[in-house]
Amino acid sequence: MNTRTIIVLAALLAPSSESQEWPAKVGFYHWSGQRPGGMFGGIADIVALNATIARVAISARTAIDYGRAGSCSPAFTLYDALDDPDIRSALNHPGLHVVIITAYDGAGFADCATHRYLNPAFYSADNQARMVNEYAEFTYRLHQLFRGTGRKAILANWEGDNAIYCGSAYLYAIDEAFKKTCHESYPRPYAGNRGPDDSFEGMLLWFRARHLGVALGNARAAADGLLGPPVLIAVEISAADMLKSRGHRSVLYDVT
């Protein structure tokens, strides 16, 4: 985001008779950026623009993404990430009303490179239980963190179709050379998957585990008297009809 963009957005979000509803509808995605050094600084800048909605990314590579370290976090879990002072203070900034979290569990994305969560073979009973527990505990601890604030949390994924189609669903659909390269190199980053069809099955299993974990975490929080808004789930796609119209599977039509 450049300075001119920030100035325009600040004008749009500034309280006025014409724009009083903007802060409740418009937010910003803070994922790395030109001023690395942590998550909280970016959130503070967002709130300074009068926005109340922000999106951040939490995974084993958060320290890399936000310029705090050069390596993947060992033994990462989503719930342990909430003990990190920078992440904790960012999510709990008093100016935020809604926090959207691009969340990748340590169970399925431990090495910051291999998309095990998209591999159907990954979902043994033990791995699935570990994943469900990670989301359940993360959800419960979000309730603890946000207790009494009324703040809403939404867990999301990153661009579902792009995640499956080697980083670019668009190029996969229109460029035969890209598609060929994608298939030839597919097993390595996708933990042995033979191609996108396997990853679609894996994504469905991932979303089910995530949904169950969040439901369990919300139920536990309610039972313990943590009476705040439930943690919600969002599915991010990166293609509406572009893939389907060309005969390819898509997250919108084949997963959600």
Protein backbone atom coordinates (compact mmCIF):
# COMPACT_ATOMS: atom_id res chain seq x y z
CA MET A 1 0.00 0.00 0.00
CA ASN A 2 1.52 3.34 -1.00
CA THR A 3 1.20 6.73 0.71
CA ARG A 4 -1.37 8.03 -1.76
CA THR A 5 -3.57 4.99 -1.16
CA ILE A 6 -3.36 5.48 2.59
CA ILE A 7 -4.34 9.13 2.30
CA VAL A 8 -7.37 8.29 0.15
CA LEU A 9 -8.46 5.51 2.48
CA ALA A 10 -7.99 7.70 5.52
CA ALA A 11 -10.30 10.26 3.93
CA LEU A 12 -12.88 7.60 3.19
CA LEU A 13 -12.77 6.24 6.72
CA ALA A 14 -12.70 9.57 8.54
CA PRO A 15 -15.92 10.11 10.51
CA SER A 16 -18.40 12.25 8.60
CA SER A 17 -22.08 12.28 7.81
CA GLU A 18 -21.34 10.48 4.53
CA SER A 19 -18.97 7.84 5.87
CA GLN A 20 -20.06 6.97 9.39
CA GLU A 21 -20.66 3.34 8.42
CA TRP A 22 -17.29 2.80 6.70
CA PRO A 23 -15.33 1.71 9.80
CA ALA A 24 -17.83 -1.10 10.43
CA LYS A 25 -17.63 -2.36 6.84
CA VAL A 26 -14.11 -1.74 5.55
CA GLY A 27 -10.95 -3.24 6.94
CA PHE A 28 -7.34 -3.95 6.02
CA TYR A 29 -5.25 -7.08 5.53
CA HIS A 30 -1.96 -6.78 7.41
CA TRP A 31 0.29 -9.58 6.15
CA SER A 32 3.95 -8.67 6.13
CA GLY A 33 4.39 -5.42 4.20
CA GLN A 34 7.00 -2.75 3.65
CA ARG A 35 7.54 -2.05 7.33
CA PRO A 36 8.26 -5.43 8.93
CA GLY A 37 9.03 -5.86 12.60
CA GLY A 38 5.86 -7.27 14.05
CA MET A 39 2.11 -7.54 13.83
CA PHE A 40 1.08 -4.94 16.39
CA GLY A 41 2.55 -1.95 14.54
CA GLY A 42 0.49 -2.71 11.45
CA ILE A 43 -2.67 -3.12 13.49
CA ALA A 44 -2.03 0.21 15.20
CA ASP A 45 -1.70 1.85 11.78
CA ILE A 46 -5.00 0.29 10.68
CA VAL A 47 -6.80 1.57 13.75
CA ALA A 48 -5.27 5.01 13.17
CA LEU A 49 -7.18 5.07 9.86
CA ASN A 50 -10.42 4.74 11.88
CA ALA A 51 -10.90 1.16 10.70
CA THR A 52 -12.23 -1.41 13.17
CA ILE A 53 -11.73 -4.54 11.05
CA ALA A 54 -8.34 -6.13 10.40
CA ARG A 55 -7.02 -9.37 8.99
CA VAL A 56 -3.75 -11.02 9.92
CA ALA A 57 -2.02 -14.34 9.26
CA ILE A 58 -1.00 -16.83 11.94
CA SER A 59 0.95 -19.97 11.09
CA ALA A 60 4.33 -21.56 11.66
CA ARG A 61 5.79 -18.87 9.37
CA THR A 62 4.32 -15.85 11.17
CA ALA A 63 7.72 -14.75 12.46
CA ILE A 64 9.01 -14.84 8.86
CA ASP A 65 5.97 -13.09 7.42
CA TYR A 66 6.14 -10.23 9.89
CA GLY A 67 9.91 -9.76 9.70
CA ARG A 68 10.80 -10.97 13.16
CA ALA A 69 12.83 -14.06 12.26
CA GLY A 70 14.24 -15.88 9.28
CA SER A 71 13.10 -19.40 10.02
CA CYS A 72 9.99 -21.47 10.59
CA SER A 73 8.74 -21.69 14.19
CA PRO A 74 9.47 -25.16 15.61
CA ALA A 75 6.66 -27.17 17.24
CA PHE A 76 4.14 -24.47 16.28
CA THR A 77 0.51 -24.58 17.35
CA LEU A 78 -2.14 -21.93 16.82
CA TYR A 79 -3.02 -21.78 20.49
CA ASP A 80 0.59 -21.37 21.64
CA ALA A 81 0.91 -18.46 19.18
CA LEU A 82 -1.46 -16.52 21.44
CA ASP A 83 1.28 -16.48 24.09
CA ASP A 84 3.43 -14.38 21.77
CA PRO A 85 3.28 -10.80 23.11
CA ASP A 86 3.25 -9.21 19.65
CA ILE A 87 0.43 -11.41 18.33
CA ARG A 88 -1.52 -11.18 21.56
CA SER A 89 -1.37 -7.38 21.72
CA ALA A 90 -2.22 -7.08 18.01
CA LEU A 91 -5.32 -9.25 18.23
CA ASN A 92 -6.41 -7.54 21.42
CA HIS A 93 -5.98 -3.94 20.24
CA PRO A 94 -8.88 -2.03 21.84
CA GLY A 95 -9.70 -0.31 18.54
CA LEU A 96 -10.57 -3.56 16.76
CA HIS A 97 -14.11 -4.88 16.59
CA VAL A 98 -13.50 -7.74 14.14
CA VAL A 99 -10.33 -9.77 13.65
CA ILE A 100 -10.06 -12.10 10.64
CA ILE A 101 -7.27 -14.63 10.99
CA THR A 102 -5.74 -16.51 8.09
CA ALA A 103 -4.96 -19.53 10.26
CA TYR A 104 -2.82 -22.53 9.37
CA ASP A 105 -2.48 -25.17 12.05
CA GLY A 106 0.84 -26.63 13.05
CA ALA A 107 -0.51 -30.14 12.55
CA GLY A 108 -0.85 -29.72 8.79
CA PHE A 109 1.66 -26.98 7.94
CA ALA A 110 4.54 -27.61 10.31
CA ASP A 111 7.51 -26.93 8.02
CA CYS A 112 6.18 -23.71 6.41
CA ALA A 113 6.44 -25.29 2.98
CA THR A 114 4.59 -28.59 2.65
CA HIS A 115 0.79 -28.51 2.43
CA ARG A 116 0.12 -31.69 4.40
CA TYR A 117 -3.33 -30.43 5.32
CA LEU A 118 -4.26 -30.89 1.63
CA ASN A 119 -3.12 -34.52 1.50
CA PRO A 120 -5.95 -37.01 2.15
CA ALA A 121 -3.40 -39.57 3.38
CA PHE A 122 -2.44 -37.20 6.20
CA TYR A 123 -5.81 -37.66 7.90
CA SER A 124 -5.12 -40.67 10.08
CA ALA A 125 -7.21 -40.87 13.23
CA ASP A 126 -4.32 -39.46 15.29
CA ASN A 127 -3.55 -36.57 12.93
CA GLN A 128 -7.19 -35.64 12.58
CA ALA A 129 -7.65 -35.65 16.36
CA ARG A 130 -4.54 -33.49 16.75
CA MET A 131 -5.84 -31.00 14.19
CA VAL A 132 -9.32 -30.82 15.70
CA ASN A 133 -7.83 -30.29 19.15
CA GLU A 134 -5.59 -27.50 17.86
CA TYR A 135 -8.54 -25.55 16.47
CA ALA A 136 -10.65 -26.27 19.55
CA GLU A 137 -7.97 -24.99 21.91
CA PHE A 138 -7.23 -21.99 19.69
CA THR A 139 -10.92 -21.09 19.61
CA TYR A 140 -11.24 -21.42 23.37
CA ARG A 141 -8.20 -19.26 23.99
CA LEU A 142 -9.52 -16.60 21.62
CA HIS A 143 -12.64 -16.47 23.78
CA GLN A 144 -10.42 -16.01 26.82
CA LEU A 145 -8.41 -13.28 25.14
CA PHE A 146 -11.48 -11.37 23.95
CA ARG A 147 -13.52 -11.84 27.11
CA GLY A 148 -15.63 -8.78 27.83
CA THR A 149 -14.63 -6.94 24.65
CA GLY A 150 -17.39 -8.05 22.27
CA ARG A 151 -14.68 -8.55 19.63
CA LYS A 152 -15.47 -11.03 16.85
CA ALA A 153 -12.99 -13.52 15.42
CA ILE A 154 -13.27 -15.17 12.02
CA LEU A 155 -10.88 -17.93 10.91
CA ALA A 156 -10.11 -18.10 7.20
CA ASN A 157 -7.83 -19.79 4.70
CA TRP A 158 -5.72 -18.24 1.95
CA GLU A 159 -7.22 -18.16 -1.58
CA GLY A 160 -8.49 -21.73 -1.73
CA ASP A 161 -8.28 -22.26 -5.49
CA ASN A 162 -4.83 -20.73 -5.78
CA ALA A 163 -3.67 -22.89 -2.87
CA ILE A 164 -4.68 -26.00 -4.82
CA TYR A 165 -3.54 -24.95 -8.29
CA CYS A 166 0.16 -24.31 -7.66
CA GLY A 167 -0.37 -20.71 -6.59
CA SER A 168 -2.44 -19.53 -9.57
CA ALA A 169 -5.80 -20.99 -10.53
CA TYR A 170 -6.01 -18.45 -13.35
CA LEU A 171 -2.78 -19.56 -15.01
CA TYR A 172 -3.70 -23.20 -14.49
CA ALA A 173 -6.94 -22.61 -16.36
CA ILE A 174 -5.55 -20.64 -19.31
CA ASP A 175 -1.88 -21.57 -19.69
CA GLU A 176 -1.08 -25.14 -20.75
CA ALA A 177 2.62 -24.68 -20.00
CA PHE A 178 1.86 -23.59 -16.42
CA LYS A 179 -0.58 -26.47 -16.02
CA LYS A 180 2.02 -28.99 -17.24
CA THR A 181 4.67 -27.64 -14.88
CA CYS A 182 2.19 -27.66 -12.02
CA HIS A 183 1.42 -31.35 -12.54
CA GLU A 184 5.06 -32.33 -12.98
CA SER A 185 6.12 -30.74 -9.69
CA TYR A 186 2.92 -31.38 -7.74
CA PRO A 187 3.93 -34.18 -5.32
CA ARG A 188 6.72 -32.25 -3.58
CA PRO A 189 4.88 -29.22 -2.11
CA TYR A 190 1.64 -31.18 -1.69
CA ALA A 191 3.07 -34.00 0.43
CA GLY A 192 2.83 -36.63 -2.31
CA ASN A 193 -0.52 -35.68 -3.86
CA ARG A 194 -0.77 -36.76 -7.48
CA GLY A 195 -2.58 -33.61 -8.58
CA PRO A 196 -5.32 -31.08 -7.74
CA ASP A 197 -8.01 -33.76 -7.37
CA ASP A 198 -6.20 -35.19 -4.35
CA SER A 199 -5.86 -31.71 -2.88
CA PHE A 200 -9.59 -31.06 -3.23
CA GLU A 201 -10.25 -34.17 -1.15
CA GLY A 202 -7.68 -33.03 1.38
CA MET A 203 -9.16 -29.54 1.60
CA LEU A 204 -12.58 -30.99 2.32
CA LEU A 205 -11.13 -33.03 5.19
CA TRP A 206 -9.25 -29.98 6.46
CA PHE A 207 -12.35 -27.81 6.47
CA ARG A 208 -14.29 -30.52 8.29
CA ALA A 209 -11.62 -30.83 10.99
CA ARG A 210 -11.41 -27.07 11.34
CA HIS A 211 -15.20 -26.78 11.59
CA LEU A 212 -15.40 -29.47 14.26
CA GLY A 213 -12.56 -27.94 16.27
CA VAL A 214 -14.08 -24.47 16.23
CA ALA A 215 -17.49 -25.86 17.22
CA LEU A 216 -15.94 -27.70 20.16
CA GLY A 217 -14.02 -24.62 21.24
CA ASN A 218 -17.12 -22.44 21.08
CA ALA A 219 -19.12 -24.99 23.07
CA ARG A 220 -16.45 -25.25 25.75
CA ALA A 221 -16.24 -21.46 26.04
CA ALA A 222 -20.00 -21.17 26.43
CA ALA A 223 -20.04 -23.91 29.07
CA ASP A 224 -17.34 -22.04 31.01
CA GLY A 225 -19.28 -18.78 30.90
CA LEU A 226 -17.15 -17.01 28.31
CA LEU A 227 -20.14 -15.25 26.81
CA GLY A 228 -18.83 -13.50 23.72
CA PRO A 229 -19.57 -13.75 20.00
CA PRO A 230 -18.79 -17.24 18.68
CA VAL A 231 -15.65 -17.71 16.63
CA LEU A 232 -16.74 -18.03 13.01
CA ILE A 233 -15.24 -19.67 9.91
CA ALA A 234 -14.86 -18.18 6.44
CA VAL A 235 -13.86 -19.96 3.24
CA GLU A 236 -11.80 -17.81 0.90
CA ILE A 237 -11.96 -18.67 -2.79
CA SER A 238 -10.06 -17.21 -5.73
CA ALA A 239 -12.34 -18.25 -8.60
CA ALA A 240 -16.09 -17.98 -9.12
CA ASP A 241 -16.96 -19.41 -12.57
CA MET A 242 -13.55 -19.17 -14.22
CA LEU A 243 -12.51 -22.73 -13.33
CA LYS A 244 -15.90 -24.38 -13.68
CA SER A 245 -16.50 -22.88 -17.11
CA ARG A 246 -13.26 -24.49 -18.29
CA GLY A 247 -14.06 -27.92 -16.86
CA HIS A 248 -11.95 -27.70 -13.71
CA ARG A 249 -12.95 -28.24 -10.11
CA SER A 250 -13.17 -25.24 -7.80
CA VAL A 251 -13.52 -24.60 -4.09
CA LEU A 252 -16.83 -22.82 -4.59
CA TYR A 253 -18.49 -25.73 -6.39
CA ASP A 254 -16.60 -28.75 -5.05
CA VAL A 255 -15.69 -27.97 -1.44
CA THR A 256 -18.02 -25.42 0.12
